[in-house]
Amino acid sequence: MSQKVDAEKKIQRNPHPDFKKVEAGRPAWHEDAPPEFTQTRKTDWKLGNGGNDGGASLSKEHVPIDPYEEGRPATFNYKLLISAIVPRPIGFLSTRSKDGTSTNLAPFSYFNVIGHDPPLFIVSFSGGMEKAKDSLRNLVDSGECCINIISEHFAEAANATSINAPYGVSEWALSGLHAAPCTHVKASRVKEAVFSIEAKLVETREFESRVTPGKKTNVLVILEGVQFWARDDAINEDKNLIDPAVLRPISRLGGISYGRIMQAFELERPDFAITEDAQHLVKPKGDDQ
């Protein structure tokens, strides 16, 4: 437990000396604000037009950053990447040890879907297998878990599960969230979640530090979805589309920041055969000039 506390202090994820004071000065939560669809920034954009900022971004210079620069702590790369690769979906994993004596619930922002046939997902855990986090320990032990998608209506409770509780202490009680039974895995799903995925462990791969050879610093986990759960007011009749107005997902940003999906726009995918601009921009086959 002390190792987890020290790691958080070293990362210094929270940039505010007094977070509650900063929060108190912000606008209140807009409870009834519906997701809004806007036009795109440049509705008359055509193939070959490039950026939609009139070339402003081309006048900016870039700074090269060597992730292994001498004296650069690994935590700098962590803070940089989680602030740049945004927004990120959050994998809210519920796990259970094989003997059922330990259950765990924790959010992971190194998470995504990587395939649909079969349904495949990845979750990444900091640290090696030898000092596995509670979720990873249970996952490897049981070979299964449940992935829950976090929505606005239980964001605080989900965040509470990131507490540095010792192994064996269940985050379910600390969060106040409710467990619901799954069909193919023994781990529970979060009843409050609009969408959940029962998953089986496919593969784990451990990675070694480039800065400290021999030190295990990351474990990548591949999971296969074997059952989906969708709230009935969020799923369409064909069971192939979740309503974002019901899901209201929370995304992970940098530091301690999260994002709401409150505004969106839509873009049609162009069809080469019927898009006149494409014909003019592409060289004929065999034309090397």
C-alpha atoms as a PDB file:
ATOM      1  CA  MET A   1       0.000   0.000   0.000  1.00  0.00           C
ATOM      2  CA  SER A   2       2.793   2.425   0.857  1.00  0.00           C
ATOM      3  CA  GLN A   3       4.350   1.808  -2.569  1.00  0.00           C
ATOM      4  CA  LYS A   4       1.130   2.972  -4.233  1.00  0.00           C
ATOM      5  CA  VAL A   5       0.986   6.094  -2.073  1.00  0.00           C
ATOM      6  CA  ASP A   6       4.604   6.949  -2.865  1.00  0.00           C
ATOM      7  CA  ALA A   7       4.033   6.406  -6.602  1.00  0.00           C
ATOM      8  CA  GLU A   8       1.155   8.893  -6.625  1.00  0.00           C
ATOM      9  CA  LYS A   9       3.228  11.481  -4.784  1.00  0.00           C
ATOM     10  CA  LYS A  10       6.037  11.030  -7.295  1.00  0.00           C
ATOM     11  CA  ILE A  11       3.747  11.432 -10.311  1.00  0.00           C
ATOM     12  CA  GLN A  12       2.033  14.512  -8.830  1.00  0.00           C
ATOM     13  CA  ARG A  13      -1.058  13.982 -10.936  1.00  0.00           C
ATOM     14  CA  ASN A  14      -3.019  16.726  -9.155  1.00  0.00           C
ATOM     15  CA  PRO A  15      -1.714  20.173 -10.245  1.00  0.00           C
ATOM     16  CA  HIS A  16      -3.767  22.088  -7.637  1.00  0.00           C
ATOM     17  CA  PRO A  17      -2.455  22.829  -4.119  1.00  0.00           C
ATOM     18  CA  ASP A  18      -6.075  23.084  -2.916  1.00  0.00           C
ATOM     19  CA  PHE A  19      -8.329  21.240  -5.351  1.00  0.00           C
ATOM     20  CA  LYS A  20     -11.594  21.817  -3.443  1.00  0.00           C
ATOM     21  CA  LYS A  21     -10.987  25.567  -3.440  1.00  0.00           C
ATOM     22  CA  VAL A  22     -10.356  25.538  -7.196  1.00  0.00           C
ATOM     23  CA  GLU A  23     -13.441  23.382  -7.795  1.00  0.00           C
ATOM     24  CA  ALA A  24     -15.637  25.712  -5.720  1.00  0.00           C
ATOM     25  CA  GLY A  25     -14.833  28.577  -8.095  1.00  0.00           C
ATOM     26  CA  ARG A  26     -16.008  26.715 -11.182  1.00  0.00           C
ATOM     27  CA  PRO A  27     -19.493  26.746 -12.780  1.00  0.00           C
ATOM     28  CA  ALA A  28     -21.974  24.214 -11.428  1.00  0.00           C
ATOM     29  CA  TRP A  29     -22.667  20.904 -13.174  1.00  0.00           C
ATOM     30  CA  HIS A  30     -25.233  21.265 -15.987  1.00  0.00           C
ATOM     31  CA  GLU A  31     -27.502  18.340 -15.192  1.00  0.00           C
ATOM     32  CA  ASP A  32     -29.991  18.638 -18.045  1.00  0.00           C
ATOM     33  CA  ALA A  33     -27.607  19.730 -20.795  1.00  0.00           C
ATOM     34  CA  PRO A  34     -28.251  17.412 -23.766  1.00  0.00           C
ATOM     35  CA  PRO A  35     -25.523  16.281 -26.171  1.00  0.00           C
ATOM     36  CA  GLU A  36     -25.448  18.772 -29.037  1.00  0.00           C
ATOM     37  CA  PHE A  37     -24.543  18.060 -32.658  1.00  0.00           C
ATOM     38  CA  THR A  38     -22.942  20.981 -34.499  1.00  0.00           C
ATOM     39  CA  GLN A  39     -21.722  21.543 -38.026  1.00  0.00           C
ATOM     40  CA  THR A  40     -18.097  20.756 -38.779  1.00  0.00           C
ATOM     41  CA  ARG A  41     -15.634  23.660 -38.680  1.00  0.00           C
ATOM     42  CA  LYS A  42     -15.445  23.834 -42.477  1.00  0.00           C
ATOM     43  CA  THR A  43     -18.576  22.429 -44.089  1.00  0.00           C
ATOM     44  CA  ASP A  44     -17.310  23.174 -47.618  1.00  0.00           C
ATOM     45  CA  TRP A  45     -14.051  21.213 -47.115  1.00  0.00           C
ATOM     46  CA  LYS A  46     -12.976  19.249 -50.202  1.00  0.00           C
ATOM     47  CA  LEU A  47     -10.450  16.486 -50.794  1.00  0.00           C
ATOM     48  CA  GLY A  48      -6.927  17.889 -50.857  1.00  0.00           C
ATOM     49  CA  ASN A  49      -7.782  20.993 -48.799  1.00  0.00           C
ATOM     50  CA  GLY A  50      -5.670  19.933 -45.831  1.00  0.00           C
ATOM     51  CA  GLY A  51      -6.181  21.500 -42.410  1.00  0.00           C
ATOM     52  CA  ASN A  52      -9.269  23.580 -41.664  1.00  0.00           C
ATOM     53  CA  ASP A  53      -7.351  26.374 -39.890  1.00  0.00           C
ATOM     54  CA  GLY A  54      -6.225  28.279 -42.990  1.00  0.00           C
ATOM     55  CA  GLY A  55      -2.662  27.056 -42.571  1.00  0.00           C
ATOM     56  CA  ALA A  56      -2.183  28.586 -39.104  1.00  0.00           C
ATOM     57  CA  SER A  57      -0.791  25.345 -37.666  1.00  0.00           C
ATOM     58  CA  LEU A  58       1.913  25.268 -40.356  1.00  0.00           C
ATOM     59  CA  SER A  59       3.500  28.398 -38.881  1.00  0.00           C
ATOM     60  CA  LYS A  60       4.117  26.711 -35.514  1.00  0.00           C
ATOM     61  CA  GLU A  61       7.384  25.016 -34.589  1.00  0.00           C
ATOM     62  CA  HIS A  62       7.761  21.688 -32.783  1.00  0.00           C
ATOM     63  CA  VAL A  63      10.074  20.614 -29.959  1.00  0.00           C
ATOM     64  CA  PRO A  64      11.660  17.142 -30.201  1.00  0.00           C
ATOM     65  CA  ILE A  65      11.371  15.084 -26.995  1.00  0.00           C
ATOM     66  CA  ASP A  66      13.572  12.034 -26.426  1.00  0.00           C
ATOM     67  CA  PRO A  67      11.666   9.690 -24.085  1.00  0.00           C
ATOM     68  CA  TYR A  68      14.984   8.254 -22.916  1.00  0.00           C
ATOM     69  CA  GLU A  69      16.864  11.534 -22.538  1.00  0.00           C
ATOM     70  CA  GLU A  70      19.430  11.346 -19.762  1.00  0.00           C
ATOM     71  CA  GLY A  71      17.922  12.525 -16.502  1.00  0.00           C
ATOM     72  CA  ARG A  72      14.333  12.383 -17.778  1.00  0.00           C
ATOM     73  CA  PRO A  73      12.155  10.455 -15.275  1.00  0.00           C
ATOM     74  CA  ALA A  74       9.782   7.839 -16.696  1.00  0.00           C
ATOM     75  CA  THR A  75       6.945   9.663 -14.934  1.00  0.00           C
ATOM     76  CA  PHE A  76       7.499  12.614 -17.297  1.00  0.00           C
ATOM     77  CA  ASN A  77       6.601  10.356 -20.239  1.00  0.00           C
ATOM     78  CA  TYR A  78       3.536   9.167 -18.352  1.00  0.00           C
ATOM     79  CA  LYS A  79       2.296  12.695 -17.666  1.00  0.00           C
ATOM     80  CA  LEU A  80       3.063  13.796 -21.222  1.00  0.00           C
ATOM     81  CA  LEU A  81       1.272  10.890 -22.873  1.00  0.00           C
ATOM     82  CA  ILE A  82      -1.878  10.979 -20.760  1.00  0.00           C
ATOM     83  CA  SER A  83      -2.218  14.706 -21.502  1.00  0.00           C
ATOM     84  CA  ALA A  84      -1.650  14.273 -25.250  1.00  0.00           C
ATOM     85  CA  ILE A  85      -3.464  11.035 -26.113  1.00  0.00           C
ATOM     86  CA  VAL A  86      -6.929  12.291 -25.280  1.00  0.00           C
ATOM     87  CA  PRO A  87      -9.729  11.686 -24.830  1.00  0.00           C
ATOM     88  CA  ARG A  88      -9.244   8.060 -23.768  1.00  0.00           C
ATOM     89  CA  PRO A  89     -11.967   5.555 -22.945  1.00  0.00           C
ATOM     90  CA  ILE A  90     -11.827   4.167 -19.419  1.00  0.00           C
ATOM     91  CA  GLY A  91     -11.903   0.443 -18.773  1.00  0.00           C
ATOM     92  CA  PHE A  92     -13.713  -0.044 -15.461  1.00  0.00           C
ATOM     93  CA  LEU A  93     -12.694  -3.580 -14.567  1.00  0.00           C
ATOM     94  CA  SER A  94     -14.417  -5.799 -12.043  1.00  0.00           C
ATOM     95  CA  THR A  95     -12.412  -8.900 -11.143  1.00  0.00           C
ATOM     96  CA  ARG A  96     -12.663 -11.828  -8.757  1.00  0.00           C
ATOM     97  CA  SER A  97      -9.963 -14.203  -7.567  1.00  0.00           C
ATOM     98  CA  LYS A  98     -10.352 -17.835  -8.593  1.00  0.00           C
ATOM     99  CA  ASP A  99     -11.306 -18.938  -5.058  1.00  0.00           C
ATOM    100  CA  GLY A 100     -13.727 -16.031  -4.672  1.00  0.00           C
ATOM    101  CA  THR A 101     -12.042 -14.602  -1.578  1.00  0.00           C
ATOM    102  CA  SER A 102     -11.074 -11.322  -3.259  1.00  0.00           C
ATOM    103  CA  THR A 103     -13.053  -8.991  -5.518  1.00  0.00           C
ATOM    104  CA  ASN A 104     -11.756  -5.797  -7.056  1.00  0.00           C
ATOM    105  CA  LEU A 105     -13.121  -2.834  -8.984  1.00  0.00           C
ATOM    106  CA  ALA A 106     -10.776  -0.316 -10.624  1.00  0.00           C
ATOM    107  CA  PRO A 107     -10.613   2.152 -13.545  1.00  0.00           C
ATOM    108  CA  PHE A 108      -7.909   1.928 -16.233  1.00  0.00           C
ATOM    109  CA  SER A 109      -7.264   4.614 -18.832  1.00  0.00           C
ATOM    110  CA  TYR A 110      -4.863   2.403 -20.808  1.00  0.00           C
ATOM    111  CA  PHE A 111      -7.797   0.607 -22.403  1.00  0.00           C
ATOM    112  CA  ASN A 112      -9.457   0.201 -25.788  1.00  0.00           C
ATOM    113  CA  VAL A 113     -11.310  -2.083 -28.190  1.00  0.00           C
ATOM    114  CA  ILE A 114      -9.065  -3.557 -30.909  1.00  0.00           C
ATOM    115  CA  GLY A 115     -11.342  -5.913 -32.845  1.00  0.00           C
ATOM    116  CA  HIS A 116     -14.905  -7.142 -33.292  1.00  0.00           C
ATOM    117  CA  ASP A 117     -14.632 -10.695 -34.675  1.00  0.00           C
ATOM    118  CA  PRO A 118     -13.805 -11.866 -32.115  1.00  0.00           C
ATOM    119  CA  PRO A 119     -14.497  -8.868 -29.872  1.00  0.00           C
ATOM    120  CA  LEU A 120     -11.051  -8.004 -28.502  1.00  0.00           C
ATOM    121  CA  PHE A 121      -9.953  -5.468 -25.912  1.00  0.00           C
ATOM    122  CA  ILE A 122      -6.654  -4.404 -24.391  1.00  0.00           C
ATOM    123  CA  VAL A 123      -5.860  -3.189 -20.904  1.00  0.00           C
ATOM    124  CA  SER A 124      -2.408  -2.137 -19.759  1.00  0.00           C
ATOM    125  CA  PHE A 125      -1.141  -2.347 -16.180  1.00  0.00           C
ATOM    126  CA  SER A 126       1.822  -0.395 -14.841  1.00  0.00           C
ATOM    127  CA  GLY A 127       4.427  -2.526 -13.087  1.00  0.00           C
ATOM    128  CA  GLY A 128       5.358  -6.151 -13.638  1.00  0.00           C
ATOM    129  CA  MET A 129       3.672  -9.464 -12.880  1.00  0.00           C
ATOM    130  CA  GLU A 130       5.787  -9.940  -9.750  1.00  0.00           C
ATOM    131  CA  LYS A 131       4.181  -6.908  -8.119  1.00  0.00           C
ATOM    132  CA  ALA A 132       0.857  -7.151  -9.896  1.00  0.00           C
ATOM    133  CA  LYS A 133      -1.944  -4.769  -8.993  1.00  0.00           C
ATOM    134  CA  ASP A 134      -5.049  -6.264  -7.431  1.00  0.00           C
ATOM    135  CA  SER A 135      -7.034  -6.298 -10.678  1.00  0.00           C
ATOM    136  CA  LEU A 136      -4.232  -7.917 -12.646  1.00  0.00           C
ATOM    137  CA  ARG A 137      -3.633 -10.480  -9.909  1.00  0.00           C
ATOM    138  CA  ASN A 138      -7.294 -11.499  -9.906  1.00  0.00           C
ATOM    139  CA  LEU A 139      -7.496 -11.424 -13.710  1.00  0.00           C
ATOM    140  CA  VAL A 140      -4.543 -13.753 -14.199  1.00  0.00           C
ATOM    141  CA  ASP A 141      -5.708 -15.993 -11.354  1.00  0.00           C
ATOM    142  CA  SER A 142      -9.273 -16.401 -12.646  1.00  0.00           C
ATOM    143  CA  GLY A 143      -8.738 -15.838 -16.380  1.00  0.00           C
ATOM    144  CA  GLU A 144     -11.759 -13.556 -16.640  1.00  0.00           C
ATOM    145  CA  CYS A 145     -13.237 -10.167 -15.758  1.00  0.00           C
ATOM    146  CA  CYS A 146     -16.019  -7.757 -16.597  1.00  0.00           C
ATOM    147  CA  ILE A 147     -15.385  -4.440 -18.372  1.00  0.00           C
ATOM    148  CA  ASN A 148     -17.828  -1.667 -17.503  1.00  0.00           C
ATOM    149  CA  ILE A 149     -18.094   1.669 -19.319  1.00  0.00           C
ATOM    150  CA  ILE A 150     -18.210   4.673 -16.977  1.00  0.00           C
ATOM    151  CA  SER A 151     -21.075   7.142 -17.386  1.00  0.00           C
ATOM    152  CA  GLU A 152     -21.712  10.539 -15.821  1.00  0.00           C
ATOM    153  CA  HIS A 153     -24.187   9.215 -13.277  1.00  0.00           C
ATOM    154  CA  PHE A 154     -21.537   7.266 -11.360  1.00  0.00           C
ATOM    155  CA  ALA A 155     -18.303   9.114 -12.163  1.00  0.00           C
ATOM    156  CA  GLU A 156     -17.509   9.957  -8.528  1.00  0.00           C
ATOM    157  CA  ALA A 157     -18.092   6.384  -7.401  1.00  0.00           C
ATOM    158  CA  ALA A 158     -15.876   5.036 -10.178  1.00  0.00           C
ATOM    159  CA  ASN A 159     -13.112   7.471  -9.268  1.00  0.00           C
ATOM    160  CA  ALA A 160     -13.333   6.337  -5.641  1.00  0.00           C
ATOM    161  CA  THR A 161     -12.269   2.846  -6.684  1.00  0.00           C
ATOM    162  CA  SER A 162      -8.836   4.177  -7.645  1.00  0.00           C
ATOM    163  CA  ILE A 163      -8.109   4.488  -3.925  1.00  0.00           C
ATOM    164  CA  ASN A 164      -4.895   2.803  -2.806  1.00  0.00           C
ATOM    165  CA  ALA A 165      -6.614   0.119  -0.731  1.00  0.00           C
ATOM    166  CA  PRO A 166      -4.569  -2.966   0.249  1.00  0.00           C
ATOM    167  CA  TYR A 167      -5.117  -6.322  -1.494  1.00  0.00           C
ATOM    168  CA  GLY A 168      -8.237  -8.029  -0.233  1.00  0.00           C
ATOM    169  CA  VAL A 169     -10.167  -4.814   0.441  1.00  0.00           C
ATOM    170  CA  SER A 170     -13.109  -4.589  -1.958  1.00  0.00           C
ATOM    171  CA  GLU A 171     -13.691  -1.293  -3.735  1.00  0.00           C
ATOM    172  CA  TRP A 172     -17.344  -2.245  -4.183  1.00  0.00           C
ATOM    173  CA  ALA A 173     -18.126  -1.203  -0.612  1.00  0.00           C
ATOM    174  CA  LEU A 174     -16.003   1.952  -0.858  1.00  0.00           C
ATOM    175  CA  SER A 175     -17.774   3.083  -4.031  1.00  0.00           C
ATOM    176  CA  GLY A 176     -21.334   2.207  -3.078  1.00  0.00           C
ATOM    177  CA  LEU A 177     -21.884   0.703  -6.532  1.00  0.00           C
ATOM    178  CA  HIS A 178     -24.044  -2.382  -6.937  1.00  0.00           C
ATOM    179  CA  ALA A 179     -22.919  -5.770  -8.241  1.00  0.00           C
ATOM    180  CA  ALA A 180     -25.029  -7.647 -10.804  1.00  0.00           C
ATOM    181  CA  PRO A 181     -24.465 -11.250 -11.919  1.00  0.00           C
ATOM    182  CA  CYS A 182     -22.802 -12.154 -15.212  1.00  0.00           C
ATOM    183  CA  THR A 183     -23.544 -15.167 -17.403  1.00  0.00           C
ATOM    184  CA  HIS A 184     -20.135 -16.542 -18.409  1.00  0.00           C
ATOM    185  CA  VAL A 185     -17.753 -15.067 -15.839  1.00  0.00           C
ATOM    186  CA  LYS A 186     -17.850 -15.168 -12.047  1.00  0.00           C
ATOM    187  CA  ALA A 187     -16.858 -11.524 -11.649  1.00  0.00           C
ATOM    188  CA  SER A 188     -19.815  -9.188 -11.191  1.00  0.00           C
ATOM    189  CA  ARG A 189     -20.765  -6.378 -13.527  1.00  0.00           C
ATOM    190  CA  VAL A 190     -21.621  -2.893 -12.325  1.00  0.00           C
ATOM    191  CA  LYS A 191     -25.410  -2.584 -12.226  1.00  0.00           C
ATOM    192  CA  GLU A 192     -25.201   1.191 -12.722  1.00  0.00           C
ATOM    193  CA  ALA A 193     -23.241   0.798 -15.982  1.00  0.00           C
ATOM    194  CA  VAL A 194     -25.159   1.374 -19.215  1.00  0.00           C
ATOM    195  CA  PHE A 195     -22.838  -1.015 -21.069  1.00  0.00           C
ATOM    196  CA  SER A 196     -20.733  -3.903 -19.768  1.00  0.00           C
ATOM    197  CA  ILE A 197     -18.666  -6.681 -21.343  1.00  0.00           C
ATOM    198  CA  GLU A 198     -17.982 -10.098 -19.897  1.00  0.00           C
ATOM    199  CA  ALA A 199     -14.449 -10.998 -20.949  1.00  0.00           C
ATOM    200  CA  LYS A 200     -12.026 -13.917 -20.915  1.00  0.00           C
ATOM    201  CA  LEU A 201      -8.255 -13.588 -20.715  1.00  0.00           C
ATOM    202  CA  VAL A 202      -6.539 -14.324 -24.041  1.00  0.00           C
ATOM    203  CA  GLU A 203      -2.940 -13.353 -23.434  1.00  0.00           C
ATOM    204  CA  THR A 204      -0.600 -11.320 -21.236  1.00  0.00           C
ATOM    205  CA  ARG A 205       2.715  -9.834 -22.248  1.00  0.00           C
ATOM    206  CA  GLU A 206       5.204  -8.279 -19.879  1.00  0.00           C
ATOM    207  CA  PHE A 207       7.472  -5.417 -20.958  1.00  0.00           C
ATOM    208  CA  GLU A 208      10.830  -4.306 -19.649  1.00  0.00           C
ATOM    209  CA  SER A 209      12.047  -0.782 -18.912  1.00  0.00           C
ATOM    210  CA  ARG A 210      14.321   0.813 -21.534  1.00  0.00           C
ATOM    211  CA  VAL A 211      15.875   3.012 -18.856  1.00  0.00           C
ATOM    212  CA  THR A 212      16.416   0.307 -16.229  1.00  0.00           C
ATOM    213  CA  PRO A 213      17.111  -2.984 -18.042  1.00  0.00           C
ATOM    214  CA  GLY A 214      15.744  -5.962 -16.178  1.00  0.00           C
ATOM    215  CA  LYS A 215      12.986  -3.992 -14.462  1.00  0.00           C
ATOM    216  CA  LYS A 216       9.478  -5.061 -15.477  1.00  0.00           C
ATOM    217  CA  THR A 217       7.350  -1.951 -15.941  1.00  0.00           C
ATOM    218  CA  ASN A 218       4.269  -2.857 -17.937  1.00  0.00           C
ATOM    219  CA  VAL A 219       1.876  -5.733 -18.557  1.00  0.00           C
ATOM    220  CA  LEU A 220      -0.367  -5.739 -21.623  1.00  0.00           C
ATOM    221  CA  VAL A 221      -3.513  -7.841 -21.368  1.00  0.00           C
ATOM    222  CA  ILE A 222      -5.658  -8.983 -24.304  1.00  0.00           C
ATOM    223  CA  LEU A 223      -9.266  -9.862 -23.485  1.00  0.00           C
ATOM    224  CA  GLU A 224     -12.039 -11.423 -25.540  1.00  0.00           C
ATOM    225  CA  GLY A 225     -15.617 -10.284 -25.018  1.00  0.00           C
ATOM    226  CA  VAL A 226     -17.990 -13.222 -24.590  1.00  0.00           C
ATOM    227  CA  GLN A 227     -21.175 -11.414 -23.540  1.00  0.00           C
ATOM    228  CA  PHE A 228     -22.461  -7.848 -23.773  1.00  0.00           C
ATOM    229  CA  TRP A 229     -24.900  -6.136 -21.436  1.00  0.00           C
ATOM    230  CA  ALA A 230     -26.738  -2.975 -22.550  1.00  0.00           C
ATOM    231  CA  ARG A 231     -29.374  -1.010 -20.668  1.00  0.00           C
ATOM    232  CA  ASP A 232     -32.699  -1.411 -22.446  1.00  0.00           C
ATOM    233  CA  ASP A 233     -33.280   2.334 -22.845  1.00  0.00           C
ATOM    234  CA  ALA A 234     -29.858   2.786 -24.477  1.00  0.00           C
ATOM    235  CA  ILE A 235     -29.859   0.029 -27.103  1.00  0.00           C
ATOM    236  CA  ASN A 236     -31.691   0.135 -30.442  1.00  0.00           C
ATOM    237  CA  GLU A 237     -34.012  -2.579 -31.744  1.00  0.00           C
ATOM    238  CA  ASP A 238     -31.238  -4.313 -33.733  1.00  0.00           C
ATOM    239  CA  LYS A 239     -29.021  -4.355 -30.640  1.00  0.00           C
ATOM    240  CA  ASN A 240     -26.152  -2.761 -32.577  1.00  0.00           C
ATOM    241  CA  LEU A 241     -26.109   0.881 -31.473  1.00  0.00           C
ATOM    242  CA  ILE A 242     -25.835   2.593 -28.085  1.00  0.00           C
ATOM    243  CA  ASP A 243     -27.512   5.987 -27.696  1.00  0.00           C
ATOM    244  CA  PRO A 244     -24.815   8.493 -26.584  1.00  0.00           C
ATOM    245  CA  ALA A 245     -27.497  10.606 -24.888  1.00  0.00           C
ATOM    246  CA  VAL A 246     -28.134   7.694 -22.524  1.00  0.00           C
ATOM    247  CA  LEU A 247     -24.591   6.376 -22.260  1.00  0.00           C
ATOM    248  CA  ARG A 248     -23.122   9.825 -21.483  1.00  0.00           C
ATOM    249  CA  PRO A 249     -19.609   8.389 -21.266  1.00  0.00           C
ATOM    250  CA  ILE A 250     -16.795   9.918 -19.266  1.00  0.00           C
ATOM    251  CA  SER A 251     -13.400  10.165 -20.977  1.00  0.00           C
ATOM    252  CA  ARG A 252      -9.953  10.455 -19.418  1.00  0.00           C
ATOM    253  CA  LEU A 253      -7.842  13.536 -19.993  1.00  0.00           C
ATOM    254  CA  GLY A 254      -4.474  14.502 -18.473  1.00  0.00           C
ATOM    255  CA  GLY A 255      -3.698  14.836 -14.764  1.00  0.00           C
ATOM    256  CA  ILE A 256      -6.902  14.445 -12.747  1.00  0.00           C
ATOM    257  CA  SER A 257      -9.115  15.786 -15.568  1.00  0.00           C
ATOM    258  CA  TYR A 258     -12.073  14.014 -17.158  1.00  0.00           C
ATOM    259  CA  GLY A 259     -14.204  14.954 -20.152  1.00  0.00           C
ATOM    260  CA  ARG A 260     -17.915  14.852 -20.933  1.00  0.00           C
ATOM    261  CA  ILE A 261     -19.164  14.080 -24.428  1.00  0.00           C
ATOM    262  CA  MET A 262     -21.457  17.083 -24.699  1.00  0.00           C
ATOM    263  CA  GLN A 263     -20.847  18.213 -28.267  1.00  0.00           C
ATOM    264  CA  ALA A 264     -20.298  16.237 -31.459  1.00  0.00           C
ATOM    265  CA  PHE A 265     -20.364  16.521 -35.233  1.00  0.00           C
ATOM    266  CA  GLU A 266     -20.769  13.978 -38.017  1.00  0.00           C
ATOM    267  CA  LEU A 267     -18.685  13.418 -41.146  1.00  0.00           C
ATOM    268  CA  GLU A 268     -19.614  11.199 -44.064  1.00  0.00           C
ATOM    269  CA  ARG A 269     -16.944   8.792 -45.273  1.00  0.00           C
ATOM    270  CA  PRO A 270     -16.084   9.708 -48.903  1.00  0.00           C
ATOM    271  CA  ASP A 271     -16.642   7.223 -51.712  1.00  0.00           C
ATOM    272  CA  PHE A 272     -13.743   7.292 -54.189  1.00  0.00           C
ATOM    273  CA  ALA A 273     -15.860   6.103 -57.108  1.00  0.00           C
ATOM    274  CA  ILE A 274     -18.291   8.994 -56.881  1.00  0.00           C
ATOM    275  CA  THR A 275     -16.069  11.750 -55.485  1.00  0.00           C
ATOM    276  CA  GLU A 276     -14.946  13.997 -58.310  1.00  0.00           C
ATOM    277  CA  ASP A 277     -12.166  15.646 -56.281  1.00  0.00           C
ATOM    278  CA  ALA A 278     -10.474  12.290 -55.717  1.00  0.00           C
ATOM    279  CA  GLN A 279     -10.126  11.641 -59.445  1.00  0.00           C
ATOM    280  CA  HIS A 280      -8.274  14.924 -59.977  1.00  0.00           C
ATOM    281  CA  LEU A 281      -5.899  14.489 -57.039  1.00  0.00           C
ATOM    282  CA  VAL A 282      -4.665  10.960 -57.760  1.00  0.00           C
ATOM    283  CA  LYS A 283      -2.109  10.270 -60.488  1.00  0.00           C
ATOM    284  CA  PRO A 284      -3.061   7.740 -63.167  1.00  0.00           C
ATOM    285  CA  LYS A 285      -1.409   4.343 -62.705  1.00  0.00           C
ATOM    286  CA  GLY A 286       1.985   4.249 -64.340  1.00  0.00           C
ATOM    287  CA  ASP A 287       2.401   8.019 -64.222  1.00  0.00           C
ATOM    288  CA  ASP A 288       5.612   8.675 -62.289  1.00  0.00           C
ATOM    289  CA  GLN A 289       5.703  12.424 -63.001  1.00  0.00           C
END
